[in-house]
Amino acid sequence: DLHGELSRKADKTETAIQLDRKADRSEMISILNNKADIDAVQKAMGEGLAVKADIDAVNKVLEDRATVAEGGEKADVTQVDELAREVALRATIKDACLLLDTKPNIGDVNMAIERINK
């Protein structure tokens, strides 16, 4: 029924309240300026892929050493342990992203420079 449909619509006051809660243009520009740019994201992705390639290479070595060698000798446990420690010390994609998150944004750097120049 028409009356039921109209009663479900937001009135002028509700609409104004909802619009006031939305970010305006200057707030959106400020928020976007604080985001990482494409170059930073691509660099982080490249570093993450390099770390993944290193981990894959170490995993391959570990698999090769864990198998029985041609002469029937098993892999040296100390070598496998050493490689496992090395893998544990390497940075992960999560570490790279955390580092990027702590990087100051352009606005903060500009503000600091302005303060120094005053």
PDB file of N, CA and C in Angstrom:
ATOM      1  N   ASP A   1       0.829  -1.166   0.000  1.00  0.00           N
ATOM      2  CA  ASP A   1       0.000   0.000   0.000  1.00  0.00           C
ATOM      3  C   ASP A   1       0.882   1.240   0.000  1.00  0.00           C
ATOM      4  N   LEU A   2       0.429   2.311  -0.565  1.00  0.00           N
ATOM      5  CA  LEU A   2       1.199   3.542  -0.761  1.00  0.00           C
ATOM      6  C   LEU A   2       1.600   4.172   0.566  1.00  0.00           C
ATOM      7  N   HIS A   3       0.692   4.213   1.525  1.00  0.00           N
ATOM      8  CA  HIS A   3       1.008   4.813   2.824  1.00  0.00           C
ATOM      9  C   HIS A   3       2.137   4.027   3.515  1.00  0.00           C
ATOM     10  N   GLY A   4       2.126   2.727   3.455  1.00  0.00           N
ATOM     11  CA  GLY A   4       3.170   1.894   4.055  1.00  0.00           C
ATOM     12  C   GLY A   4       4.524   2.137   3.402  1.00  0.00           C
ATOM     13  N   GLU A   5       4.534   2.266   2.073  1.00  0.00           N
ATOM     14  CA  GLU A   5       5.772   2.528   1.345  1.00  0.00           C
ATOM     15  C   GLU A   5       6.349   3.891   1.724  1.00  0.00           C
ATOM     16  N   LEU A   6       5.506   4.900   1.799  1.00  0.00           N
ATOM     17  CA  LEU A   6       5.963   6.247   2.133  1.00  0.00           C
ATOM     18  C   LEU A   6       6.459   6.333   3.577  1.00  0.00           C
ATOM     19  N   SER A   7       5.874   5.572   4.492  1.00  0.00           N
ATOM     20  CA  SER A   7       6.282   5.636   5.890  1.00  0.00           C
ATOM     21  C   SER A   7       7.663   4.999   6.101  1.00  0.00           C
ATOM     22  N   ARG A   8       8.092   4.146   5.199  1.00  0.00           N
ATOM     23  CA  ARG A   8       9.417   3.511   5.314  1.00  0.00           C
ATOM     24  C   ARG A   8      10.531   4.414   4.800  1.00  0.00           C
ATOM     25  N   LYS A   9      10.218   5.452   4.039  1.00  0.00           N
ATOM     26  CA  LYS A   9      11.238   6.357   3.507  1.00  0.00           C
ATOM     27  C   LYS A   9      11.728   7.301   4.600  1.00  0.00           C
ATOM     28  N   ALA A  10      13.002   7.683   4.511  1.00  0.00           N
ATOM     29  CA  ALA A  10      13.570   8.618   5.476  1.00  0.00           C
ATOM     30  C   ALA A  10      12.991  10.000   5.247  1.00  0.00           C
ATOM     31  N   ASP A  11      12.722  10.702   6.345  1.00  0.00           N
ATOM     32  CA  ASP A  11      12.213  12.064   6.188  1.00  0.00           C
ATOM     33  C   ASP A  11      13.384  13.033   6.052  1.00  0.00           C
ATOM     34  N   LYS A  12      13.085  14.296   5.941  1.00  0.00           N
ATOM     35  CA  LYS A  12      14.091  15.331   5.698  1.00  0.00           C
ATOM     36  C   LYS A  12      15.137  15.372   6.820  1.00  0.00           C
ATOM     37  N   THR A  13      14.711  15.271   8.052  1.00  0.00           N
ATOM     38  CA  THR A  13      15.630  15.331   9.191  1.00  0.00           C
ATOM     39  C   THR A  13      16.570  14.129   9.196  1.00  0.00           C
ATOM     40  N   GLU A  14      16.025  12.933   8.994  1.00  0.00           N
ATOM     41  CA  GLU A  14      16.857  11.729   8.965  1.00  0.00           C
ATOM     42  C   GLU A  14      17.880  11.798   7.835  1.00  0.00           C
ATOM     43  N   THR A  15      17.445  12.296   6.692  1.00  0.00           N
ATOM     44  CA  THR A  15      18.344  12.430   5.545  1.00  0.00           C
ATOM     45  C   THR A  15      19.470  13.411   5.859  1.00  0.00           C
ATOM     46  N   ALA A  16      19.147  14.529   6.481  1.00  0.00           N
ATOM     47  CA  ALA A  16      20.162  15.530   6.835  1.00  0.00           C
ATOM     48  C   ALA A  16      21.169  14.949   7.833  1.00  0.00           C
ATOM     49  N   ILE A  17      20.680  14.196   8.811  1.00  0.00           N
ATOM     50  CA  ILE A  17      21.567  13.576   9.801  1.00  0.00           C
ATOM     51  C   ILE A  17      22.527  12.614   9.118  1.00  0.00           C
ATOM     52  N   GLN A  18      22.002  11.802   8.204  1.00  0.00           N
ATOM     53  CA  GLN A  18      22.856  10.846   7.493  1.00  0.00           C
ATOM     54  C   GLN A  18      23.889  11.546   6.618  1.00  0.00           C
ATOM     55  N   LEU A  19      23.489  12.628   5.962  1.00  0.00           N
ATOM     56  CA  LEU A  19      24.422  13.366   5.104  1.00  0.00           C
ATOM     57  C   LEU A  19      25.514  14.044   5.928  1.00  0.00           C
ATOM     58  N   ASP A  20      25.179  14.519   7.124  1.00  0.00           N
ATOM     59  CA  ASP A  20      26.172  15.155   7.995  1.00  0.00           C
ATOM     60  C   ASP A  20      27.238  14.162   8.451  1.00  0.00           C
ATOM     61  N   ARG A  21      26.886  12.902   8.535  1.00  0.00           N
ATOM     62  CA  ARG A  21      27.836  11.880   8.969  1.00  0.00           C
ATOM     63  C   ARG A  21      28.815  11.482   7.864  1.00  0.00           C
ATOM     64  N   LYS A  22      28.545  11.839   6.639  1.00  0.00           N
ATOM     65  CA  LYS A  22      29.405  11.482   5.509  1.00  0.00           C
ATOM     66  C   LYS A  22      30.611  12.419   5.442  1.00  0.00           C
ATOM     67  N   ALA A  23      31.734  11.909   4.925  1.00  0.00           N
ATOM     68  CA  ALA A  23      32.940  12.725   4.768  1.00  0.00           C
ATOM     69  C   ALA A  23      32.742  13.710   3.630  1.00  0.00           C
ATOM     70  N   ASP A  24      33.256  14.924   3.831  1.00  0.00           N
ATOM     71  CA  ASP A  24      33.177  15.900   2.741  1.00  0.00           C
ATOM     72  C   ASP A  24      34.432  15.789   1.871  1.00  0.00           C
ATOM     73  N   ARG A  25      34.518  16.605   0.848  1.00  0.00           N
ATOM     74  CA  ARG A  25      35.606  16.523  -0.133  1.00  0.00           C
ATOM     75  C   ARG A  25      36.975  16.692   0.506  1.00  0.00           C
ATOM     76  N   SER A  26      37.134  17.682   1.385  1.00  0.00           N
ATOM     77  CA  SER A  26      38.441  17.928   2.001  1.00  0.00           C
ATOM     78  C   SER A  26      38.853  16.762   2.898  1.00  0.00           C
ATOM     79  N   GLU A  27      37.913  16.171   3.614  1.00  0.00           N
ATOM     80  CA  GLU A  27      38.219  15.010   4.446  1.00  0.00           C
ATOM     81  C   GLU A  27      38.652  13.834   3.585  1.00  0.00           C
ATOM     82  N   MET A  28      37.976  13.630   2.466  1.00  0.00           N
ATOM     83  CA  MET A  28      38.339  12.526   1.568  1.00  0.00           C
ATOM     84  C   MET A  28      39.727  12.736   0.968  1.00  0.00           C
ATOM     85  N   ILE A  29      40.042  13.964   0.578  1.00  0.00           N
ATOM     86  CA  ILE A  29      41.368  14.253   0.017  1.00  0.00           C
ATOM     87  C   ILE A  29      42.436  14.005   1.074  1.00  0.00           C
ATOM     88  N   SER A  30      42.179  14.441   2.310  1.00  0.00           N
ATOM     89  CA  SER A  30      43.123  14.226   3.398  1.00  0.00           C
ATOM     90  C   SER A  30      43.351  12.736   3.637  1.00  0.00           C
ATOM     91  N   ILE A  31      42.290  11.959   3.650  1.00  0.00           N
ATOM     92  CA  ILE A  31      42.398  10.519   3.858  1.00  0.00           C
ATOM     93  C   ILE A  31      43.173   9.863   2.713  1.00  0.00           C
ATOM     94  N   LEU A  32      42.866  10.256   1.489  1.00  0.00           N
ATOM     95  CA  LEU A  32      43.548   9.677   0.335  1.00  0.00           C
ATOM     96  C   LEU A  32      45.026  10.045   0.308  1.00  0.00           C
ATOM     97  N   ASN A  33      45.374  11.236   0.782  1.00  0.00           N
ATOM     98  CA  ASN A  33      46.785  11.637   0.823  1.00  0.00           C
ATOM     99  C   ASN A  33      47.579  10.806   1.815  1.00  0.00           C
ATOM    100  N   ASN A  34      46.912  10.231   2.801  1.00  0.00           N
ATOM    101  CA  ASN A  34      47.595   9.414   3.805  1.00  0.00           C
ATOM    102  C   ASN A  34      47.780   7.968   3.358  1.00  0.00           C
ATOM    103  N   LYS A  35      47.172   7.584   2.272  1.00  0.00           N
ATOM    104  CA  LYS A  35      47.301   6.215   1.762  1.00  0.00           C
ATOM    105  C   LYS A  35      48.615   6.061   1.005  1.00  0.00           C
ATOM    106  N   ALA A  36      49.114   4.833   0.960  1.00  0.00           N
ATOM    107  CA  ALA A  36      50.331   4.548   0.204  1.00  0.00           C
ATOM    108  C   ALA A  36      50.060   4.755  -1.284  1.00  0.00           C
ATOM    109  N   ASP A  37      51.048   5.313  -1.988  1.00  0.00           N
ATOM    110  CA  ASP A  37      50.877   5.490  -3.421  1.00  0.00           C
ATOM    111  C   ASP A  37      51.193   4.178  -4.158  1.00  0.00           C
ATOM    112  N   ILE A  38      50.928   4.164  -5.432  1.00  0.00           N
ATOM    113  CA  ILE A  38      51.086   2.955  -6.240  1.00  0.00           C
ATOM    114  C   ILE A  38      52.530   2.453  -6.210  1.00  0.00           C
ATOM    115  N   ASP A  39      53.496   3.376  -6.279  1.00  0.00           N
ATOM    116  CA  ASP A  39      54.907   2.967  -6.272  1.00  0.00           C
ATOM    117  C   ASP A  39      55.263   2.241  -4.975  1.00  0.00           C
ATOM    118  N   ALA A  40      54.776   2.760  -3.838  1.00  0.00           N
ATOM    119  CA  ALA A  40      55.072   2.130  -2.546  1.00  0.00           C
ATOM    120  C   ALA A  40      54.459   0.738  -2.466  1.00  0.00           C
ATOM    121  N   VAL A  41      53.235   0.600  -2.964  1.00  0.00           N
ATOM    122  CA  VAL A  41      52.567  -0.699  -2.941  1.00  0.00           C
ATOM    123  C   VAL A  41      53.291  -1.685  -3.853  1.00  0.00           C
ATOM    124  N   GLN A  42      53.665  -1.228  -5.046  1.00  0.00           N
ATOM    125  CA  GLN A  42      54.379  -2.109  -5.969  1.00  0.00           C
ATOM    126  C   GLN A  42      55.738  -2.518  -5.403  1.00  0.00           C
ATOM    127  N   LYS A  43      56.419  -1.587  -4.728  1.00  0.00           N
ATOM    128  CA  LYS A  43      57.712  -1.910  -4.120  1.00  0.00           C
ATOM    129  C   LYS A  43      57.519  -2.964  -3.025  1.00  0.00           C
ATOM    130  N   ALA A  44      56.492  -2.779  -2.199  1.00  0.00           N
ATOM    131  CA  ALA A  44      56.223  -3.747  -1.126  1.00  0.00           C
ATOM    132  C   ALA A  44      55.875  -5.111  -1.703  1.00  0.00           C
ATOM    133  N   MET A  45      55.093  -5.107  -2.782  1.00  0.00           N
ATOM    134  CA  MET A  45      54.739  -6.375  -3.417  1.00  0.00           C
ATOM    135  C   MET A  45      55.979  -7.045  -3.987  1.00  0.00           C
ATOM    136  N   GLY A  46      56.863  -6.257  -4.592  1.00  0.00           N
ATOM    137  CA  GLY A  46      58.099  -6.802  -5.144  1.00  0.00           C
ATOM    138  C   GLY A  46      58.968  -7.399  -4.059  1.00  0.00           C
ATOM    139  N   GLU A  47      59.068  -6.690  -2.915  1.00  0.00           N
ATOM    140  CA  GLU A  47      59.846  -7.213  -1.792  1.00  0.00           C
ATOM    141  C   GLU A  47      59.204  -8.488  -1.255  1.00  0.00           C
ATOM    142  N   GLY A  48      57.890  -8.499  -1.197  1.00  0.00           N
ATOM    143  CA  GLY A  48      57.190  -9.692  -0.724  1.00  0.00           C
ATOM    144  C   GLY A  48      57.413 -10.869  -1.646  1.00  0.00           C
ATOM    145  N   LEU A  49      57.394 -10.617  -2.959  1.00  0.00           N
ATOM    146  CA  LEU A  49      57.637 -11.694  -3.915  1.00  0.00           C
ATOM    147  C   LEU A  49      59.077 -12.193  -3.817  1.00  0.00           C
ATOM    148  N   ALA A  50      60.017 -11.270  -3.565  1.00  0.00           N
ATOM    149  CA  ALA A  50      61.421 -11.677  -3.417  1.00  0.00           C
ATOM    150  C   ALA A  50      61.580 -12.562  -2.184  1.00  0.00           C
ATOM    151  N   VAL A  51      60.917 -12.180  -1.095  1.00  0.00           N
ATOM    152  CA  VAL A  51      60.988 -12.987   0.123  1.00  0.00           C
ATOM    153  C   VAL A  51      60.376 -14.356  -0.125  1.00  0.00           C
ATOM    154  N   LYS A  52      59.244 -14.389  -0.848  1.00  0.00           N
ATOM    155  CA  LYS A  52      58.595 -15.670  -1.160  1.00  0.00           C
ATOM    156  C   LYS A  52      59.526 -16.531  -2.009  1.00  0.00           C
ATOM    157  N   ALA A  53      60.220 -15.915  -2.971  1.00  0.00           N
ATOM    158  CA  ALA A  53      61.153 -16.675  -3.808  1.00  0.00           C
ATOM    159  C   ALA A  53      62.285 -17.242  -2.950  1.00  0.00           C
ATOM    160  N   ASP A  54      62.783 -16.444  -1.998  1.00  0.00           N
ATOM    161  CA  ASP A  54      63.837 -16.935  -1.096  1.00  0.00           C
ATOM    162  C   ASP A  54      63.329 -18.112  -0.276  1.00  0.00           C
ATOM    163  N   ILE A  55      62.133 -17.987   0.261  1.00  0.00           N
ATOM    164  CA  ILE A  55      61.557 -19.064   1.074  1.00  0.00           C
ATOM    165  C   ILE A  55      61.360 -20.312   0.234  1.00  0.00           C
ATOM    166  N   ASP A  56      60.878 -20.142  -1.006  1.00  0.00           N
ATOM    167  CA  ASP A  56      60.697 -21.289  -1.895  1.00  0.00           C
ATOM    168  C   ASP A  56      62.035 -21.977  -2.185  1.00  0.00           C
ATOM    169  N   ALA A  57      63.086 -21.174  -2.387  1.00  0.00           N
ATOM    170  CA  ALA A  57      64.405 -21.744  -2.664  1.00  0.00           C
ATOM    171  C   ALA A  57      64.922 -22.519  -1.454  1.00  0.00           C
ATOM    172  N   VAL A  58      64.745 -21.947  -0.267  1.00  0.00           N
ATOM    173  CA  VAL A  58      65.187 -22.633   0.948  1.00  0.00           C
ATOM    174  C   VAL A  58      64.383 -23.911   1.156  1.00  0.00           C
ATOM    175  N   ASN A  59      63.066 -23.835   0.911  1.00  0.00           N
ATOM    176  CA  ASN A  59      62.231 -25.037   1.031  1.00  0.00           C
ATOM    177  C   ASN A  59      62.713 -26.137   0.089  1.00  0.00           C
ATOM    178  N   LYS A  60      63.088 -25.750  -1.117  1.00  0.00           N
ATOM    179  CA  LYS A  60      63.588 -26.727  -2.092  1.00  0.00           C
ATOM    180  C   LYS A  60      64.871 -27.378  -1.576  1.00  0.00           C
ATOM    181  N   VAL A  61      65.779 -26.562  -1.037  1.00  0.00           N
ATOM    182  CA  VAL A  61      67.026 -27.101  -0.490  1.00  0.00           C
ATOM    183  C   VAL A  61      66.717 -28.041   0.665  1.00  0.00           C
ATOM    184  N   LEU A  62      65.799 -27.631   1.538  1.00  0.00           N
ATOM    185  CA  LEU A  62      65.430 -28.481   2.672  1.00  0.00           C
ATOM    186  C   LEU A  62      64.845 -29.805   2.195  1.00  0.00           C
ATOM    187  N   GLU A  63      63.986 -29.755   1.190  1.00  0.00           N
ATOM    188  CA  GLU A  63      63.404 -30.986   0.655  1.00  0.00           C
ATOM    189  C   GLU A  63      64.480 -31.879   0.044  1.00  0.00           C
ATOM    190  N   ASP A  64      65.393 -31.255  -0.710  1.00  0.00           N
ATOM    191  CA  ASP A  64      66.469 -32.036  -1.334  1.00  0.00           C
ATOM    192  C   ASP A  64      67.359 -32.688  -0.287  1.00  0.00           C
ATOM    193  N   ARG A  65      67.664 -31.943   0.777  1.00  0.00           N
ATOM    194  CA  ARG A  65      68.555 -32.480   1.803  1.00  0.00           C
ATOM    195  C   ARG A  65      67.851 -33.485   2.700  1.00  0.00           C
ATOM    196  N   ALA A  66      66.542 -33.382   2.793  1.00  0.00           N
ATOM    197  CA  ALA A  66      65.797 -34.291   3.655  1.00  0.00           C
ATOM    198  C   ALA A  66      65.604 -35.654   3.002  1.00  0.00           C
ATOM    199  N   THR A  67      65.778 -35.725   1.720  1.00  0.00           N
ATOM    200  CA  THR A  67      65.630 -37.012   1.035  1.00  0.00           C
ATOM    201  C   THR A  67      66.937 -37.795   1.114  1.00  0.00           C
ATOM    202  N   VAL A  68      66.853 -39.023   0.863  1.00  0.00           N
ATOM    203  CA  VAL A  68      68.043 -39.870   0.911  1.00  0.00           C
ATOM    204  C   VAL A  68      68.903 -39.575  -0.315  1.00  0.00           C
ATOM    205  N   ALA A  69      70.199 -39.311  -0.078  1.00  0.00           N
ATOM    206  CA  ALA A  69      71.123 -38.994  -1.164  1.00  0.00           C
ATOM    207  C   ALA A  69      71.430 -40.271  -1.946  1.00  0.00           C
ATOM    208  N   GLU A  70      72.099 -40.114  -3.086  1.00  0.00           N
ATOM    209  CA  GLU A  70      72.408 -41.270  -3.937  1.00  0.00           C
ATOM    210  C   GLU A  70      73.218 -42.328  -3.206  1.00  0.00           C
ATOM    211  N   GLY A  71      74.155 -41.898  -2.360  1.00  0.00           N
ATOM    212  CA  GLY A  71      75.009 -42.844  -1.645  1.00  0.00           C
ATOM    213  C   GLY A  71      74.333 -43.462  -0.432  1.00  0.00           C
ATOM    214  N   GLY A  72      73.069 -43.168  -0.208  1.00  0.00           N
ATOM    215  CA  GLY A  72      72.345 -43.731   0.917  1.00  0.00           C
ATOM    216  C   GLY A  72      72.501 -42.949   2.200  1.00  0.00           C
ATOM    217  N   GLU A  73      73.178 -41.792   2.154  1.00  0.00           N
ATOM    218  CA  GLU A  73      73.354 -40.989   3.354  1.00  0.00           C
ATOM    219  C   GLU A  73      72.166 -40.044   3.529  1.00  0.00           C
ATOM    220  N   LYS A  74      71.813 -39.838   4.763  1.00  0.00           N
ATOM    221  CA  LYS A  74      70.716 -38.908   5.040  1.00  0.00           C
ATOM    222  C   LYS A  74      71.276 -37.498   5.172  1.00  0.00           C
ATOM    223  N   ALA A  75      70.391 -36.524   5.089  1.00  0.00           N
ATOM    224  CA  ALA A  75      70.802 -35.120   5.186  1.00  0.00           C
ATOM    225  C   ALA A  75      71.390 -34.832   6.558  1.00  0.00           C
ATOM    226  N   ASP A  76      72.323 -33.903   6.585  1.00  0.00           N
ATOM    227  CA  ASP A  76      72.945 -33.467   7.833  1.00  0.00           C
ATOM    228  C   ASP A  76      71.928 -32.625   8.603  1.00  0.00           C
ATOM    229  N   VAL A  77      71.569 -33.069   9.793  1.00  0.00           N
ATOM    230  CA  VAL A  77      70.538 -32.404  10.596  1.00  0.00           C
ATOM    231  C   VAL A  77      70.951 -30.982  10.949  1.00  0.00           C
ATOM    232  N   THR A  78      72.222 -30.744  11.208  1.00  0.00           N
ATOM    233  CA  THR A  78      72.672 -29.396  11.579  1.00  0.00           C
ATOM    234  C   THR A  78      72.488 -28.422  10.414  1.00  0.00           C
ATOM    235  N   GLN A  79      72.710 -28.900   9.187  1.00  0.00           N
ATOM    236  CA  GLN A  79      72.499 -28.036   8.022  1.00  0.00           C
ATOM    237  C   GLN A  79      71.023 -27.685   7.875  1.00  0.00           C
ATOM    238  N   VAL A  80      70.167 -28.649   8.076  1.00  0.00           N
ATOM    239  CA  VAL A  80      68.720 -28.406   7.976  1.00  0.00           C
ATOM    240  C   VAL A  80      68.285 -27.429   9.067  1.00  0.00           C
ATOM    241  N   ASP A  81      68.796 -27.605  10.289  1.00  0.00           N
ATOM    242  CA  ASP A  81      68.462 -26.687  11.383  1.00  0.00           C
ATOM    243  C   ASP A  81      68.951 -25.276  11.091  1.00  0.00           C
ATOM    244  N   GLU A  82      70.151 -25.165  10.534  1.00  0.00           N
ATOM    245  CA  GLU A  82      70.708 -23.856  10.199  1.00  0.00           C
ATOM    246  C   GLU A  82      69.841 -23.148   9.160  1.00  0.00           C
ATOM    247  N   LEU A  83      69.419 -23.871   8.132  1.00  0.00           N
ATOM    248  CA  LEU A  83      68.546 -23.283   7.113  1.00  0.00           C
ATOM    249  C   LEU A  83      67.197 -22.896   7.701  1.00  0.00           C
ATOM    250  N   ALA A  84      66.657 -23.701   8.589  1.00  0.00           N
ATOM    251  CA  ALA A  84      65.379 -23.383   9.221  1.00  0.00           C
ATOM    252  C   ALA A  84      65.494 -22.098  10.032  1.00  0.00           C
ATOM    253  N   ARG A  85      66.603 -21.900  10.741  1.00  0.00           N
ATOM    254  CA  ARG A  85      66.810 -20.653  11.504  1.00  0.00           C
ATOM    255  C   ARG A  85      66.897 -19.461  10.559  1.00  0.00           C
ATOM    256  N   GLU A  86      67.585 -19.641   9.436  1.00  0.00           N
ATOM    257  CA  GLU A  86      67.721 -18.554   8.462  1.00  0.00           C
ATOM    258  C   GLU A  86      66.365 -18.147   7.897  1.00  0.00           C
ATOM    259  N   VAL A  87      65.533 -19.133   7.606  1.00  0.00           N
ATOM    260  CA  VAL A  87      64.191 -18.851   7.080  1.00  0.00           C
ATOM    261  C   VAL A  87      63.374 -18.098   8.127  1.00  0.00           C
ATOM    262  N   ALA A  88      63.494 -18.486   9.381  1.00  0.00           N
ATOM    263  CA  ALA A  88      62.726 -17.841  10.450  1.00  0.00           C
ATOM    264  C   ALA A  88      63.118 -16.380  10.626  1.00  0.00           C
ATOM    265  N   LEU A  89      64.362 -16.018  10.302  1.00  0.00           N
ATOM    266  CA  LEU A  89      64.830 -14.648  10.471  1.00  0.00           C
ATOM    267  C   LEU A  89      64.450 -13.731   9.313  1.00  0.00           C
ATOM    268  N   ARG A  90      64.028 -14.285   8.215  1.00  0.00           N
ATOM    269  CA  ARG A  90      63.700 -13.466   7.044  1.00  0.00           C
ATOM    270  C   ARG A  90      62.407 -12.696   7.257  1.00  0.00           C
ATOM    271  N   ALA A  91      62.316 -11.536   6.603  1.00  0.00           N
ATOM    272  CA  ALA A  91      61.104 -10.721   6.693  1.00  0.00           C
ATOM    273  C   ALA A  91      59.972 -11.378   5.918  1.00  0.00           C
ATOM    274  N   THR A  92      58.777 -11.187   6.393  1.00  0.00           N
ATOM    275  CA  THR A  92      57.599 -11.698   5.705  1.00  0.00           C
ATOM    276  C   THR A  92      56.856 -10.540   5.052  1.00  0.00           C
ATOM    277  N   ILE A  93      55.873 -10.852   4.249  1.00  0.00           N
ATOM    278  CA  ILE A  93      55.043  -9.817   3.633  1.00  0.00           C
ATOM    279  C   ILE A  93      54.369  -8.996   4.720  1.00  0.00           C
ATOM    280  N   LYS A  94      53.950  -9.657   5.793  1.00  0.00           N
ATOM    281  CA  LYS A  94      53.319  -8.951   6.908  1.00  0.00           C
ATOM    282  C   LYS A  94      54.285  -7.920   7.491  1.00  0.00           C
ATOM    283  N   ASP A  95      55.571  -8.292   7.630  1.00  0.00           N
ATOM    284  CA  ASP A  95      56.579  -7.363   8.147  1.00  0.00           C
ATOM    285  C   ASP A  95      56.738  -6.165   7.208  1.00  0.00           C
ATOM    286  N   ALA A  96      56.762  -6.426   5.900  1.00  0.00           N
ATOM    287  CA  ALA A  96      56.917  -5.346   4.924  1.00  0.00           C
ATOM    288  C   ALA A  96      55.733  -4.396   4.981  1.00  0.00           C
ATOM    289  N   CYS A  97      54.526  -4.944   5.092  1.00  0.00           N
ATOM    290  CA  CYS A  97      53.333  -4.095   5.179  1.00  0.00           C
ATOM    291  C   CYS A  97      53.339  -3.282   6.470  1.00  0.00           C
ATOM    292  N   LEU A  98      53.766  -3.878   7.570  1.00  0.00           N
ATOM    293  CA  LEU A  98      53.846  -3.166   8.839  1.00  0.00           C
ATOM    294  C   LEU A  98      54.828  -2.014   8.726  1.00  0.00           C
ATOM    295  N   LEU A  99      55.945  -2.242   8.057  1.00  0.00           N
ATOM    296  CA  LEU A  99      56.928  -1.199   7.862  1.00  0.00           C
ATOM    297  C   LEU A  99      56.350  -0.060   7.034  1.00  0.00           C
ATOM    298  N   LEU A 100      55.612  -0.385   5.979  1.00  0.00           N
ATOM    299  CA  LEU A 100      54.991   0.640   5.156  1.00  0.00           C
ATOM    300  C   LEU A 100      53.939   1.425   5.941  1.00  0.00           C
ATOM    301  N   ASP A 101      53.207   0.739   6.829  1.00  0.00           N
ATOM    302  CA  ASP A 101      52.195   1.419   7.629  1.00  0.00           C
ATOM    303  C   ASP A 101      52.815   2.439   8.576  1.00  0.00           C
ATOM    304  N   THR A 102      54.046   2.192   9.033  1.00  0.00           N
ATOM    305  CA  THR A 102      54.687   3.109   9.968  1.00  0.00           C
ATOM    306  C   THR A 102      55.412   4.243   9.245  1.00  0.00           C
ATOM    307  N   LYS A 103      55.518   4.165   7.935  1.00  0.00           N
ATOM    308  CA  LYS A 103      56.183   5.205   7.153  1.00  0.00           C
ATOM    309  C   LYS A 103      55.375   6.493   7.248  1.00  0.00           C
ATOM    310  N   PRO A 104      56.010   7.648   7.510  1.00  0.00           N
ATOM    311  CA  PRO A 104      55.235   8.887   7.609  1.00  0.00           C
ATOM    312  C   PRO A 104      54.644   9.256   6.254  1.00  0.00           C
ATOM    313  N   ASN A 105      53.463   9.859   6.293  1.00  0.00           N
ATOM    314  CA  ASN A 105      52.845  10.264   5.041  1.00  0.00           C
ATOM    315  C   ASN A 105      53.349  11.649   4.644  1.00  0.00           C
ATOM    316  N   ILE A 106      53.033  12.062   3.450  1.00  0.00           N
ATOM    317  CA  ILE A 106      53.525  13.321   2.892  1.00  0.00           C
ATOM    318  C   ILE A 106      53.100  14.500   3.755  1.00  0.00           C
ATOM    319  N   GLY A 107      51.860  14.478   4.216  1.00  0.00           N
ATOM    320  CA  GLY A 107      51.365  15.590   5.033  1.00  0.00           C
ATOM    321  C   GLY A 107      52.147  15.743   6.320  1.00  0.00           C
ATOM    322  N   ASP A 108      52.456  14.640   6.990  1.00  0.00           N
ATOM    323  CA  ASP A 108      53.222  14.699   8.235  1.00  0.00           C
ATOM    324  C   ASP A 108      54.633  15.241   7.990  1.00  0.00           C
ATOM    325  N   VAL A 109      55.263  14.797   6.912  1.00  0.00           N
ATOM    326  CA  VAL A 109      56.612  15.271   6.583  1.00  0.00           C
ATOM    327  C   VAL A 109      56.582  16.761   6.280  1.00  0.00           C
ATOM    328  N   ASN A 110      55.617  17.201   5.479  1.00  0.00           N
ATOM    329  CA  ASN A 110      55.513  18.623   5.145  1.00  0.00           C
ATOM    330  C   ASN A 110      55.273  19.462   6.388  1.00  0.00           C
ATOM    331  N   MET A 111      54.418  18.985   7.303  1.00  0.00           N
ATOM    332  CA  MET A 111      54.142  19.707   8.532  1.00  0.00           C
ATOM    333  C   MET A 111      55.410  19.809   9.384  1.00  0.00           C
ATOM    334  N   ALA A 112      56.186  18.734   9.471  1.00  0.00           N
ATOM    335  CA  ALA A 112      57.425  18.749  10.248  1.00  0.00           C
ATOM    336  C   ALA A 112      58.424  19.736   9.642  1.00  0.00           C
ATOM    337  N   ILE A 113      58.506  19.773   8.324  1.00  0.00           N
ATOM    338  CA  ILE A 113      59.417  20.708   7.659  1.00  0.00           C
ATOM    339  C   ILE A 113      58.981  22.138   7.917  1.00  0.00           C
ATOM    340  N   GLU A 114      57.667  22.390   7.860  1.00  0.00           N
ATOM    341  CA  GLU A 114      57.164  23.745   8.144  1.00  0.00           C
ATOM    342  C   GLU A 114      57.511  24.171   9.565  1.00  0.00           C
ATOM    343  N   ARG A 115      57.378  23.248  10.522  1.00  0.00           N
ATOM    344  CA  ARG A 115      57.702  23.563  11.918  1.00  0.00           C
ATOM    345  C   ARG A 115      59.192  23.891  12.070  1.00  0.00           C
ATOM    346  N   ILE A 116      60.030  23.140  11.367  1.00  0.00           N
ATOM    347  CA  ILE A 116      61.468  23.381  11.454  1.00  0.00           C
ATOM    348  C   ILE A 116      61.823  24.750  10.859  1.00  0.00           C
ATOM    349  N   ASN A 117      61.164  25.112   9.757  1.00  0.00           N
ATOM    350  CA  ASN A 117      61.460  26.366   9.077  1.00  0.00           C
ATOM    351  C   ASN A 117      60.956  27.588   9.821  1.00  0.00           C
ATOM    352  N   LYS A 118      60.051  27.412  10.786  1.00  0.00           N
ATOM    353  CA  LYS A 118      59.490  28.561  11.516  1.00  0.00           C
ATOM    354  C   LYS A 118      60.424  29.050  12.570  1.00  0.00           C
TER     355      LYS A 118
END
